[in-house]
C-alpha cells in the first residue's frame, strides 16, 4: 500500500476497506444461503459477484488481500456448492469447481499485478527524484563553471594588463637606460 496519508487516516481507511469487503462478502453469502430454493443458475450468477470484493481486496492490499479474500470466499461458498452437487449436471459441477479456482487465481493474479504496478511506480518515483537531483547538480555545476570562467577572464585581463605594464615599463626604461649609458 502506497499512501501519503497520515498514519491515523491510513489506518482508518484500511479498517473501512476491510469492513466494506467483509460486508459485501457477507451479503453475497447470506443471499446465497437464504435463497437456496432458487435455481442453480441464479446462484451461479451471484457467484460471479464474488469477483468484486476479491479484485478490490487484491488491488487495495496486494497479493495477500487477493489470496486471503478468495480463500475466505471459497470456504464460505463450498458448503453451498457441495449442497447443490446432486442437482447439477456433470458439466455444471465442473463449471462450479472451475469458478472457485478462477476466483482464487484472479485474487492472486490481481494482487500480483497490483504489487508489480506499485513496484514500478516506486521505481519511477525514485528515478524521478534522482533525475531532479542530477538536474539540480548540473545547474549548480553550470553556475560554478560560469563563476570559474568569469574568474579566468578576470585573471587573463589582469595578466594581460601585467604584461602590458611590464612592456611599457621596459620601453620606458630602455630609452632612459640608453641615454644614461650614452652620455
Protein backbone atom coordinates (compact mmCIF):
# COMPACT_ATOMS: atom_id res chain seq x y z
CA UNK A 1 0.00 0.00 0.00
CA UNK A 2 1.48 3.23 -1.10
CA UNK A 3 -0.16 6.05 0.81
CA UNK A 4 0.89 9.52 1.66
CA UNK A 5 -1.95 9.92 4.15
CA UNK A 6 -1.25 10.50 7.84
CA UNK A 7 -0.98 7.20 9.76
CA UNK A 8 -4.30 7.67 11.62
CA UNK A 9 -6.14 8.41 8.37
CA UNK A 10 -4.42 5.48 6.65
CA UNK A 11 -5.39 3.14 9.49
CA UNK A 12 -8.99 4.34 9.34
CA UNK A 13 -9.03 3.79 5.58
CA UNK A 14 -7.67 0.26 5.96
CA UNK A 15 -10.29 -0.56 8.59
CA UNK A 16 -13.05 0.92 6.41
CA UNK A 17 -11.90 -1.08 3.38
CA UNK A 18 -11.71 -4.32 5.37
CA UNK A 19 -15.20 -3.74 6.77
CA UNK A 20 -16.57 -2.90 3.30
CA UNK A 21 -15.04 -6.03 1.78
CA UNK A 22 -16.36 -8.13 4.68
CA UNK A 23 -19.87 -6.66 4.37
CA UNK A 24 -20.03 -7.32 0.62
CA UNK A 25 -18.82 -10.90 1.09
CA UNK A 26 -21.26 -11.43 3.97
CA UNK A 27 -24.21 -10.02 2.00
CA UNK A 28 -23.42 -12.19 -1.02
CA UNK A 29 -23.05 -15.26 1.16
CA UNK A 30 -26.30 -14.53 3.01
CA UNK A 31 -28.11 -14.13 -0.32
CA UNK A 32 -26.70 -17.47 -1.46
CA UNK A 33 -27.66 -19.34 1.69
CA UNK A 34 -31.09 -17.78 2.22
CA UNK A 35 -32.22 -18.22 -1.37
CA UNK A 36 -31.37 -21.87 -1.81
CA UNK A 37 -34.78 -22.57 -3.36
CA UNK A 38 -33.89 -20.55 -6.48
CA UNK A 39 -32.47 -22.27 -9.49
CA UNK A 40 -28.79 -23.07 -9.67
CA UNK A 41 -28.31 -20.55 -12.50
CA UNK A 42 -29.27 -17.77 -10.09
CA UNK A 43 -26.56 -18.91 -7.69
CA UNK A 44 -24.00 -19.13 -10.46
CA UNK A 45 -24.74 -15.51 -11.37
CA UNK A 46 -24.41 -14.50 -7.73
CA UNK A 47 -21.13 -16.37 -7.59
CA UNK A 48 -19.75 -14.02 -10.24
CA UNK A 49 -20.42 -11.14 -7.83
CA UNK A 50 -17.72 -12.56 -5.54
CA UNK A 51 -15.15 -11.33 -8.04
CA UNK A 52 -15.78 -7.72 -6.99
CA UNK A 53 -14.60 -7.96 -3.37
CA UNK A 54 -11.74 -10.26 -4.38
CA UNK A 55 -10.48 -7.84 -7.02
CA UNK A 56 -10.90 -4.85 -4.71
CA UNK A 57 -9.08 -6.61 -1.87
CA UNK A 58 -6.26 -7.57 -4.24
CA UNK A 59 -5.98 -4.04 -5.59
CA UNK A 60 -6.08 -2.48 -2.14
CA UNK A 61 -3.94 -4.96 -0.19
CA UNK A 62 -1.86 -6.67 -2.89
CA UNK A 63 -1.39 -10.43 -3.25
CA UNK A 64 -2.21 -11.09 0.42
CA UNK A 65 -5.55 -9.31 0.09
CA UNK A 66 -6.45 -11.21 -3.05
CA UNK A 67 -5.39 -14.58 -1.72
CA UNK A 68 -6.98 -14.19 1.72
CA UNK A 69 -10.28 -12.83 0.39
CA UNK A 70 -10.59 -15.52 -2.29
CA UNK A 71 -9.74 -18.22 0.24
CA UNK A 72 -12.38 -16.95 2.69
CA UNK A 73 -14.94 -16.78 -0.11
CA UNK A 74 -14.04 -20.32 -1.15
CA UNK A 75 -14.54 -21.56 2.41
CA UNK A 76 -17.88 -19.75 2.66
CA UNK A 77 -19.13 -20.96 -0.72
CA UNK A 78 -18.01 -24.61 -0.62
CA UNK A 79 -20.82 -25.88 1.68
CA UNK A 80 -23.50 -24.40 -0.57
CA UNK A 81 -21.74 -25.64 -3.68
CA UNK A 82 -21.48 -29.18 -2.33
CA UNK A 83 -25.17 -28.99 -1.35
CA UNK A 84 -26.12 -28.41 -5.00
CA UNK A 85 -23.79 -31.09 -6.39
CA UNK A 86 -26.54 -33.71 -6.58
CA UNK A 87 -28.79 -31.43 -8.68
CA UNK A 88 -26.11 -30.43 -11.17
CA UNK A 89 -25.14 -31.98 -14.44
CA UNK A 90 -21.51 -33.12 -14.69
CA UNK A 91 -20.69 -30.06 -16.82
CA UNK A 92 -22.27 -27.72 -14.25
CA UNK A 93 -20.31 -29.43 -11.45
CA UNK A 94 -17.05 -28.86 -13.26
CA UNK A 95 -18.07 -25.30 -14.02
CA UNK A 96 -18.62 -24.65 -10.31
CA UNK A 97 -15.20 -26.01 -9.39
CA UNK A 98 -13.54 -24.08 -12.20
CA UNK A 99 -15.31 -20.94 -10.98
CA UNK A 100 -13.96 -21.44 -7.46
CA UNK A 101 -10.47 -21.98 -8.88
CA UNK A 102 -10.82 -18.86 -11.04
CA UNK A 103 -11.82 -16.73 -8.07
CA UNK A 104 -8.62 -17.82 -6.33
CA UNK A 105 -6.45 -17.35 -9.42
CA UNK A 106 -7.92 -13.93 -10.11
CA UNK A 107 -7.37 -12.91 -6.49
CA UNK A 108 -3.72 -13.93 -6.67
CA UNK A 109 -3.14 -12.56 -10.17
CA UNK A 110 -4.78 -9.20 -9.48
CA UNK A 111 -2.79 -8.86 -6.27
CA UNK A 112 0.43 -9.82 -8.02
CA UNK A 113 -0.14 -7.38 -10.88
CA UNK A 114 -1.11 -4.62 -8.47
CA UNK A 115 2.08 -5.19 -6.49
CA UNK A 116 4.16 -5.13 -9.68
CA UNK A 117 2.50 -1.85 -10.67
CA UNK A 118 3.28 -0.42 -7.23
CA UNK A 119 6.91 -1.52 -7.53
CA UNK A 120 7.15 0.11 -10.97
CA UNK A 121 5.60 3.28 -9.56
CA UNK A 122 8.13 3.33 -6.70
CA UNK A 123 10.98 2.83 -9.18
CA UNK A 124 9.60 5.62 -11.37
CA UNK A 125 9.35 7.98 -8.39
CA UNK A 126 12.89 7.08 -7.32
CA UNK A 127 14.17 7.65 -10.87
CA UNK A 128 12.34 10.97 -10.97
CA UNK A 129 13.90 12.01 -7.66
CA UNK A 130 17.38 11.02 -8.87
CA UNK A 131 16.78 12.90 -12.12
CA UNK A 132 15.73 16.04 -10.24
CA UNK A 133 18.84 15.76 -8.05
CA UNK A 134 21.04 15.36 -11.13
CA UNK A 135 19.40 18.35 -12.84
CA UNK A 136 19.99 20.43 -9.70
CA UNK A 137 23.60 19.23 -9.52
CA UNK A 138 24.12 20.09 -13.21
CA UNK A 139 22.60 23.53 -12.62
CA UNK A 140 24.95 24.12 -9.68
CA UNK A 141 27.92 22.85 -11.67
CA UNK A 142 26.93 25.14 -14.56
CA UNK A 143 26.82 28.10 -12.18
CA UNK A 144 30.20 27.11 -10.74
CA UNK A 145 31.63 26.76 -14.27
CA UNK A 146 30.34 30.22 -15.19
CA UNK A 147 31.86 31.64 -12.00
CA UNK A 148 35.21 29.98 -12.72
CA UNK A 149 35.14 31.16 -16.36
CA UNK A 150 34.49 34.69 -15.08
CA UNK A 151 37.47 34.37 -12.74
CA UNK A 152 39.62 33.06 -15.60
CA UNK A 153 38.64 36.03 -17.79
CA UNK A 154 39.46 38.46 -14.97
CA UNK A 155 42.76 36.66 -14.38
CA UNK A 156 43.56 36.82 -18.11
CA UNK A 157 42.77 40.56 -18.15
CA UNK A 158 44.93 41.14 -15.09
CA UNK A 159 47.70 39.04 -16.68
CA UNK A 160 47.38 40.94 -19.95
CA UNK A 161 47.44 44.21 -18.05
CA UNK A 162 50.54 43.00 -16.17
CA UNK A 163 52.27 42.09 -19.47
CA UNK A 164 51.32 45.43 -20.92
CA UNK A 165 52.59 47.21 -17.81
CA UNK A 166 55.82 45.25 -17.94
CA UNK A 167 56.22 46.03 -21.64
CA UNK A 168 55.55 49.73 -21.03
CA UNK A 169 57.99 49.77 -18.15
CA UNK A 170 60.57 48.08 -20.34
CA UNK A 171 60.03 50.60 -23.14
CA UNK A 172 60.23 53.49 -20.71
CA UNK A 173 63.40 52.14 -19.10
CA UNK A 174 65.03 51.24 -22.34
CA UNK A 175 65.33 54.75 -23.77
CA UNK A 176 66.31 56.11 -20.41
CA UNK A 177 68.87 53.38 -19.95
CA UNK A 178 70.35 54.16 -23.33
CA UNK A 179 70.53 57.91 -22.59
CA UNK A 180 72.30 57.32 -19.34
CA UNK A 181 74.76 54.96 -20.95
CA UNK A 182 75.24 57.05 -23.97
CA UNK A 183 76.19 60.18 -22.09
